[in-house]
Amino acid sequence: AFAEGALTFRIDKAATLQSVGLVVFRFVGPDRNYEARLLLETDRRLFISEFDTKTLVYAEPFRASTPIPVGTWVRAKFRVELLASGSGRADLEIDGTPVATAVTLKPFHPKGELRTDIGATYVKTPNDGWTVRIDDLLISPK
């Protein structure tokens, strides 16, 4: 399974308590879902996480070293490829520059119906508020 999403976003205000989701690729299996996520941490650094909805196994295989500046439009491109059970990879580009290449993912299955959330997909509570503008969305499932 393969999915790619791109979006242009701008942070006007970063929360201080919880991260915000920007892209969630949900691969729906017969009895559970595998999620590969692109999120924005309160320190404004992007990170990649993965989650198995049945076992509740959660991992964060990548965190960017540089924060996204407040008030600046940024283009992020997030690509996920599930190769086999326990084997996958993710790539992340910011403004056309690779930030993460072949980040190891461990999906429980390599197939499934793809469901995508893109934009400000969720925020955990408690939260003191994010202001993120989203523009120019692109989703490319294969």
N, C-alpha and C. Protein backbone atom coordinates (compact mmCIF):
# COMPACT_ATOMS: atom_id res chain seq x y z
N ALA A 1 0.85 -1.17 0.00
CA ALA A 1 0.00 0.00 0.00
C ALA A 1 0.90 1.24 0.00
N PHE A 2 0.41 2.28 -0.62
CA PHE A 2 1.18 3.51 -0.78
C PHE A 2 0.24 4.69 -0.63
N ALA A 3 0.71 5.75 0.01
CA ALA A 3 -0.07 6.98 0.10
C ALA A 3 0.89 8.16 0.17
N GLU A 4 0.47 9.26 -0.43
CA GLU A 4 1.28 10.48 -0.38
C GLU A 4 0.33 11.65 -0.19
N GLY A 5 0.72 12.55 0.69
CA GLY A 5 -0.08 13.73 0.92
C GLY A 5 0.83 14.94 1.01
N ALA A 6 0.35 16.06 0.53
CA ALA A 6 1.11 17.30 0.61
C ALA A 6 0.15 18.42 0.99
N LEU A 7 0.67 19.35 1.77
CA LEU A 7 -0.12 20.50 2.15
C LEU A 7 0.80 21.68 2.43
N THR A 8 0.27 22.85 2.21
CA THR A 8 0.95 24.07 2.59
C THR A 8 0.29 24.56 3.86
N PHE A 9 1.10 24.90 4.86
CA PHE A 9 0.52 25.34 6.12
C PHE A 9 1.34 26.46 6.72
N ARG A 10 0.69 27.17 7.62
CA ARG A 10 1.32 28.28 8.34
C ARG A 10 0.86 28.24 9.78
N ILE A 11 1.80 28.31 10.70
CA ILE A 11 1.48 28.34 12.12
C ILE A 11 1.36 29.81 12.53
N ASP A 12 0.20 30.19 13.04
CA ASP A 12 0.04 31.53 13.59
C ASP A 12 0.20 31.50 15.11
N LYS A 13 -0.20 30.38 15.74
CA LYS A 13 -0.05 30.21 17.18
C LYS A 13 0.15 28.74 17.48
N ALA A 14 1.19 28.41 18.21
CA ALA A 14 1.44 27.02 18.63
C ALA A 14 0.91 26.83 20.04
N ALA A 15 0.25 25.71 20.27
CA ALA A 15 -0.21 25.37 21.61
C ALA A 15 1.00 25.01 22.48
N THR A 16 0.81 25.04 23.78
CA THR A 16 1.90 24.69 24.69
C THR A 16 1.66 23.36 25.38
N LEU A 17 0.49 22.74 25.17
CA LEU A 17 0.17 21.51 25.91
C LEU A 17 0.19 20.24 25.06
N GLN A 18 -0.31 20.26 23.84
CA GLN A 18 -0.45 19.04 23.04
C GLN A 18 -0.15 19.31 21.57
N SER A 19 0.25 18.25 20.87
CA SER A 19 0.54 18.32 19.43
C SER A 19 -0.76 18.38 18.63
N VAL A 20 -0.62 18.67 17.32
CA VAL A 20 -1.75 18.69 16.40
C VAL A 20 -1.40 17.79 15.22
N GLY A 21 -2.38 17.01 14.76
CA GLY A 21 -2.19 16.16 13.59
C GLY A 21 -2.37 16.97 12.31
N LEU A 22 -1.51 16.71 11.32
CA LEU A 22 -1.65 17.37 10.01
C LEU A 22 -2.09 16.40 8.93
N VAL A 23 -1.53 15.19 8.93
CA VAL A 23 -1.90 14.16 7.96
C VAL A 23 -2.00 12.83 8.70
N VAL A 24 -3.09 12.10 8.48
CA VAL A 24 -3.23 10.75 9.01
C VAL A 24 -3.59 9.83 7.85
N PHE A 25 -2.74 8.83 7.59
CA PHE A 25 -3.05 7.78 6.62
C PHE A 25 -3.50 6.58 7.44
N ARG A 26 -4.76 6.19 7.27
CA ARG A 26 -5.33 5.07 8.02
C ARG A 26 -5.56 3.91 7.05
N PHE A 27 -4.82 2.83 7.27
CA PHE A 27 -4.97 1.63 6.45
C PHE A 27 -5.89 0.69 7.22
N VAL A 28 -7.10 0.49 6.69
CA VAL A 28 -8.14 -0.24 7.41
C VAL A 28 -8.00 -1.73 7.10
N GLY A 29 -7.74 -2.50 8.14
CA GLY A 29 -7.61 -3.95 8.02
C GLY A 29 -8.90 -4.64 8.43
N PRO A 30 -8.89 -5.98 8.42
CA PRO A 30 -10.11 -6.72 8.74
C PRO A 30 -10.61 -6.53 10.17
N ASP A 31 -9.70 -6.36 11.13
CA ASP A 31 -10.15 -6.22 12.51
C ASP A 31 -9.48 -5.07 13.26
N ARG A 32 -8.68 -4.28 12.55
CA ARG A 32 -8.03 -3.13 13.18
C ARG A 32 -7.44 -2.22 12.11
N ASN A 33 -7.02 -1.04 12.53
CA ASN A 33 -6.44 -0.06 11.61
C ASN A 33 -4.98 0.19 11.98
N TYR A 34 -4.19 0.48 10.96
CA TYR A 34 -2.82 0.95 11.16
C TYR A 34 -2.79 2.39 10.69
N GLU A 35 -2.24 3.28 11.51
CA GLU A 35 -2.18 4.69 11.16
C GLU A 35 -0.74 5.16 11.10
N ALA A 36 -0.40 5.85 10.02
CA ALA A 36 0.88 6.56 9.90
C ALA A 36 0.51 8.04 9.90
N ARG A 37 1.17 8.81 10.78
CA ARG A 37 0.74 10.19 11.01
C ARG A 37 1.89 11.18 10.88
N LEU A 38 1.57 12.36 10.38
CA LEU A 38 2.48 13.50 10.40
C LEU A 38 1.87 14.51 11.36
N LEU A 39 2.63 14.85 12.40
CA LEU A 39 2.13 15.73 13.45
C LEU A 39 3.06 16.90 13.68
N LEU A 40 2.54 17.89 14.37
CA LEU A 40 3.29 19.08 14.72
C LEU A 40 3.30 19.20 16.23
N GLU A 41 4.50 19.19 16.82
CA GLU A 41 4.67 19.24 18.26
C GLU A 41 4.58 20.69 18.76
N THR A 42 4.39 20.87 20.04
CA THR A 42 4.25 22.20 20.62
C THR A 42 5.50 23.06 20.42
N ASP A 43 6.66 22.41 20.21
CA ASP A 43 7.89 23.18 19.91
C ASP A 43 8.01 23.49 18.42
N ARG A 44 6.93 23.20 17.66
CA ARG A 44 6.79 23.48 16.23
C ARG A 44 7.65 22.58 15.35
N ARG A 45 8.13 21.46 15.90
CA ARG A 45 8.86 20.49 15.08
C ARG A 45 7.88 19.43 14.57
N LEU A 46 8.03 19.06 13.30
CA LEU A 46 7.22 17.98 12.74
C LEU A 46 7.74 16.64 13.24
N PHE A 47 6.82 15.69 13.40
CA PHE A 47 7.25 14.34 13.73
C PHE A 47 6.30 13.32 13.09
N ILE A 48 6.82 12.12 12.92
CA ILE A 48 6.08 11.01 12.34
C ILE A 48 5.76 10.03 13.45
N SER A 49 4.52 9.58 13.50
CA SER A 49 4.14 8.56 14.47
C SER A 49 3.37 7.46 13.75
N GLU A 50 3.29 6.30 14.42
CA GLU A 50 2.47 5.20 13.90
C GLU A 50 1.69 4.60 15.05
N PHE A 51 0.50 4.05 14.72
CA PHE A 51 -0.41 3.58 15.76
C PHE A 51 -1.21 2.40 15.24
N ASP A 52 -1.32 1.35 16.06
CA ASP A 52 -2.16 0.19 15.80
C ASP A 52 -3.38 0.32 16.70
N THR A 53 -4.56 0.45 16.11
CA THR A 53 -5.76 0.73 16.90
C THR A 53 -6.23 -0.46 17.73
N LYS A 54 -5.79 -1.67 17.41
CA LYS A 54 -6.21 -2.83 18.20
C LYS A 54 -5.30 -3.05 19.41
N THR A 55 -4.01 -3.08 19.18
CA THR A 55 -3.07 -3.34 20.27
C THR A 55 -2.69 -2.07 21.03
N LEU A 56 -3.03 -0.91 20.45
CA LEU A 56 -2.70 0.40 21.01
C LEU A 56 -1.19 0.64 21.07
N VAL A 57 -0.44 -0.08 20.21
CA VAL A 57 1.00 0.14 20.11
C VAL A 57 1.22 1.46 19.36
N TYR A 58 2.00 2.34 19.98
CA TYR A 58 2.27 3.67 19.44
C TYR A 58 3.78 3.88 19.40
N ALA A 59 4.28 4.47 18.31
CA ALA A 59 5.71 4.74 18.20
C ALA A 59 5.90 6.07 17.47
N GLU A 60 7.02 6.71 17.75
CA GLU A 60 7.41 7.95 17.07
C GLU A 60 8.80 7.74 16.47
N PRO A 61 8.87 7.19 15.24
CA PRO A 61 10.16 6.87 14.65
C PRO A 61 10.98 8.05 14.13
N PHE A 62 10.37 9.25 14.07
CA PHE A 62 11.13 10.40 13.56
C PHE A 62 10.62 11.70 14.17
N ARG A 63 11.58 12.58 14.52
CA ARG A 63 11.29 13.96 14.94
C ARG A 63 12.26 14.89 14.22
N ALA A 64 11.72 15.91 13.60
CA ALA A 64 12.57 16.89 12.91
C ALA A 64 13.41 17.65 13.92
N SER A 65 14.60 18.06 13.51
CA SER A 65 15.49 18.78 14.42
C SER A 65 15.23 20.28 14.43
N THR A 66 14.57 20.79 13.40
CA THR A 66 14.37 22.24 13.27
C THR A 66 12.88 22.58 13.39
N PRO A 67 12.53 23.56 14.20
CA PRO A 67 11.13 23.97 14.30
C PRO A 67 10.67 24.74 13.05
N ILE A 68 9.38 24.67 12.79
CA ILE A 68 8.76 25.45 11.72
C ILE A 68 8.55 26.87 12.24
N PRO A 69 8.99 27.89 11.51
CA PRO A 69 8.83 29.26 12.01
C PRO A 69 7.36 29.70 12.03
N VAL A 70 7.01 30.47 13.03
CA VAL A 70 5.66 31.05 13.12
C VAL A 70 5.51 32.10 12.03
N GLY A 71 4.32 32.12 11.39
CA GLY A 71 4.02 33.15 10.40
C GLY A 71 4.60 32.92 9.02
N THR A 72 5.15 31.74 8.76
CA THR A 72 5.77 31.42 7.47
C THR A 72 5.03 30.26 6.81
N TRP A 73 4.67 30.42 5.53
CA TRP A 73 4.03 29.33 4.80
C TRP A 73 5.09 28.27 4.47
N VAL A 74 4.73 27.01 4.71
CA VAL A 74 5.65 25.88 4.52
C VAL A 74 4.90 24.79 3.75
N ARG A 75 5.60 24.15 2.81
CA ARG A 75 5.03 23.03 2.05
C ARG A 75 5.61 21.73 2.60
N ALA A 76 4.74 20.84 3.08
CA ALA A 76 5.16 19.54 3.59
C ALA A 76 4.62 18.45 2.67
N LYS A 77 5.47 17.47 2.36
CA LYS A 77 5.09 16.31 1.56
C LYS A 77 5.42 15.07 2.37
N PHE A 78 4.41 14.24 2.64
CA PHE A 78 4.52 13.06 3.49
C PHE A 78 4.15 11.84 2.66
N ARG A 79 5.06 10.87 2.60
CA ARG A 79 4.86 9.67 1.79
C ARG A 79 5.02 8.44 2.67
N VAL A 80 4.10 7.48 2.54
CA VAL A 80 4.13 6.24 3.31
C VAL A 80 3.99 5.07 2.35
N GLU A 81 4.84 4.08 2.54
CA GLU A 81 4.76 2.85 1.75
C GLU A 81 4.83 1.67 2.70
N LEU A 82 3.79 0.83 2.67
CA LEU A 82 3.76 -0.38 3.47
C LEU A 82 4.18 -1.54 2.58
N LEU A 83 5.29 -2.20 2.93
CA LEU A 83 5.89 -3.21 2.07
C LEU A 83 5.45 -4.62 2.42
N ALA A 84 5.39 -4.94 3.69
CA ALA A 84 5.00 -6.26 4.17
C ALA A 84 4.62 -6.11 5.64
N SER A 85 4.10 -7.15 6.22
CA SER A 85 3.79 -7.10 7.65
C SER A 85 5.07 -6.81 8.42
N GLY A 86 5.07 -5.75 9.22
CA GLY A 86 6.25 -5.36 9.98
C GLY A 86 7.28 -4.55 9.22
N SER A 87 6.98 -4.23 7.94
CA SER A 87 7.97 -3.52 7.12
C SER A 87 7.30 -2.41 6.31
N GLY A 88 7.75 -1.18 6.56
CA GLY A 88 7.26 -0.04 5.82
C GLY A 88 8.25 1.09 5.92
N ARG A 89 7.96 2.18 5.20
CA ARG A 89 8.86 3.33 5.23
C ARG A 89 8.06 4.61 5.05
N ALA A 90 8.63 5.69 5.55
CA ALA A 90 8.02 7.01 5.39
C ALA A 90 9.10 8.00 4.97
N ASP A 91 8.69 8.96 4.16
CA ASP A 91 9.57 10.04 3.72
C ASP A 91 8.86 11.36 4.00
N LEU A 92 9.64 12.37 4.31
CA LEU A 92 9.10 13.70 4.58
C LEU A 92 9.97 14.75 3.92
N GLU A 93 9.33 15.66 3.19
CA GLU A 93 10.02 16.80 2.59
C GLU A 93 9.39 18.08 3.12
N ILE A 94 10.23 19.08 3.33
CA ILE A 94 9.77 20.41 3.70
C ILE A 94 10.30 21.37 2.64
N ASP A 95 9.39 22.07 2.00
CA ASP A 95 9.74 23.00 0.92
C ASP A 95 10.68 22.37 -0.10
N GLY A 96 10.41 21.11 -0.47
CA GLY A 96 11.17 20.40 -1.49
C GLY A 96 12.48 19.79 -1.02
N THR A 97 12.83 19.99 0.24
CA THR A 97 14.07 19.43 0.78
C THR A 97 13.77 18.21 1.64
N PRO A 98 14.41 17.06 1.35
CA PRO A 98 14.18 15.88 2.19
C PRO A 98 14.62 16.13 3.63
N VAL A 99 13.74 15.83 4.56
CA VAL A 99 14.00 15.97 5.99
C VAL A 99 14.14 14.58 6.62
N ALA A 100 13.36 13.64 6.12
CA ALA A 100 13.41 12.26 6.60
C ALA A 100 13.26 11.34 5.39
N THR A 101 14.16 10.38 5.27
CA THR A 101 14.13 9.45 4.15
C THR A 101 14.17 8.02 4.68
N ALA A 102 13.26 7.22 4.19
CA ALA A 102 13.19 5.79 4.54
C ALA A 102 13.13 5.55 6.05
N VAL A 103 12.30 6.35 6.74
CA VAL A 103 12.06 6.13 8.17
C VAL A 103 11.36 4.78 8.32
N THR A 104 11.85 3.93 9.18
CA THR A 104 11.30 2.58 9.35
C THR A 104 9.95 2.62 10.05
N LEU A 105 8.97 2.00 9.41
CA LEU A 105 7.64 1.80 10.00
C LEU A 105 7.43 0.31 10.20
N LYS A 106 6.57 -0.05 11.15
CA LYS A 106 6.30 -1.46 11.45
C LYS A 106 4.80 -1.74 11.43
N PRO A 107 4.20 -1.70 10.23
CA PRO A 107 2.76 -1.97 10.15
C PRO A 107 2.46 -3.44 10.42
N PHE A 108 1.28 -3.72 10.98
CA PHE A 108 0.90 -5.11 11.22
C PHE A 108 0.40 -5.80 9.96
N HIS A 109 0.04 -5.04 8.94
CA HIS A 109 -0.34 -5.60 7.65
C HIS A 109 0.00 -4.60 6.55
N PRO A 110 0.35 -5.09 5.34
CA PRO A 110 0.78 -4.18 4.29
C PRO A 110 -0.33 -3.69 3.38
N LYS A 111 -1.56 -4.08 3.65
CA LYS A 111 -2.67 -3.74 2.77
C LYS A 111 -3.79 -3.13 3.59
N GLY A 112 -4.81 -2.72 2.91
CA GLY A 112 -5.99 -2.20 3.57
C GLY A 112 -6.56 -1.03 2.80
N GLU A 113 -7.84 -0.81 3.00
CA GLU A 113 -8.49 0.36 2.41
C GLU A 113 -7.88 1.60 3.03
N LEU A 114 -7.52 2.56 2.21
CA LEU A 114 -6.88 3.78 2.70
C LEU A 114 -7.94 4.84 2.99
N ARG A 115 -7.86 5.38 4.19
CA ARG A 115 -8.67 6.53 4.57
C ARG A 115 -7.69 7.61 5.00
N THR A 116 -7.93 8.83 4.58
CA THR A 116 -6.98 9.91 4.82
C THR A 116 -7.65 11.09 5.50
N ASP A 117 -7.00 11.60 6.52
CA ASP A 117 -7.38 12.87 7.14
C ASP A 117 -6.22 13.82 6.88
N ILE A 118 -6.51 14.98 6.32
CA ILE A 118 -5.46 15.94 6.03
C ILE A 118 -5.98 17.33 6.38
N GLY A 119 -5.16 18.12 7.01
CA GLY A 119 -5.55 19.42 7.54
C GLY A 119 -5.18 19.43 9.02
N ALA A 120 -5.90 20.14 9.85
CA ALA A 120 -5.70 20.04 11.30
C ALA A 120 -6.59 18.89 11.76
N THR A 121 -6.04 17.67 11.74
CA THR A 121 -6.86 16.46 11.87
C THR A 121 -7.35 16.19 13.27
N TYR A 122 -6.56 16.48 14.28
CA TYR A 122 -7.01 16.29 15.67
C TYR A 122 -6.04 16.99 16.61
N VAL A 123 -6.52 17.26 17.79
CA VAL A 123 -5.71 17.80 18.87
C VAL A 123 -6.13 17.09 20.14
N LYS A 124 -5.16 16.61 20.90
CA LYS A 124 -5.48 15.97 22.18
C LYS A 124 -5.87 17.05 23.20
N THR A 125 -6.60 16.63 24.22
CA THR A 125 -6.95 17.55 25.31
C THR A 125 -6.20 17.16 26.56
N PRO A 126 -5.95 18.05 27.49
CA PRO A 126 -6.29 19.47 27.42
C PRO A 126 -5.41 20.18 26.42
N ASN A 127 -5.90 21.30 25.91
CA ASN A 127 -5.15 22.06 24.93
C ASN A 127 -5.46 23.53 25.07
N ASP A 128 -4.46 24.35 24.85
CA ASP A 128 -4.66 25.79 24.95
C ASP A 128 -4.73 26.46 23.58
N GLY A 129 -4.87 25.66 22.52
CA GLY A 129 -5.21 26.20 21.21
C GLY A 129 -4.08 26.36 20.21
N TRP A 130 -4.33 25.85 19.03
CA TRP A 130 -3.47 26.03 17.86
C TRP A 130 -4.18 26.95 16.90
N THR A 131 -3.42 27.75 16.17
CA THR A 131 -3.95 28.45 15.00
C THR A 131 -3.02 28.09 13.86
N VAL A 132 -3.54 27.23 12.97
CA VAL A 132 -2.77 26.75 11.82
C VAL A 132 -3.62 26.94 10.58
N ARG A 133 -3.07 27.61 9.59
CA ARG A 133 -3.77 27.80 8.31
C ARG A 133 -3.29 26.72 7.35
N ILE A 134 -4.23 26.15 6.59
CA ILE A 134 -3.94 25.06 5.66
C ILE A 134 -4.37 25.49 4.27
N ASP A 135 -3.54 25.16 3.25
CA ASP A 135 -3.87 25.50 1.87
C ASP A 135 -3.25 24.45 0.95
N ASP A 136 -3.71 24.40 -0.28
CA ASP A 136 -3.11 23.57 -1.33
C ASP A 136 -2.90 22.11 -0.90
N LEU A 137 -3.98 21.40 -0.69
CA LEU A 137 -3.93 19.99 -0.30
C LEU A 137 -3.80 19.09 -1.51
N LEU A 138 -3.02 18.02 -1.36
CA LEU A 138 -2.88 17.01 -2.42
C LEU A 138 -2.81 15.65 -1.78
N ILE A 139 -3.66 14.72 -2.24
CA ILE A 139 -3.62 13.34 -1.75
C ILE A 139 -3.44 12.44 -2.95
N SER A 140 -2.50 11.50 -2.84
CA SER A 140 -2.20 10.60 -3.95
C SER A 140 -2.13 9.16 -3.46
N PRO A 141 -3.26 8.47 -3.33
CA PRO A 141 -3.23 7.06 -2.92
C PRO A 141 -2.93 6.17 -4.11
N LYS A 142 -2.25 5.06 -3.87
CA LYS A 142 -1.98 4.10 -4.95
C LYS A 142 -2.14 2.70 -4.41
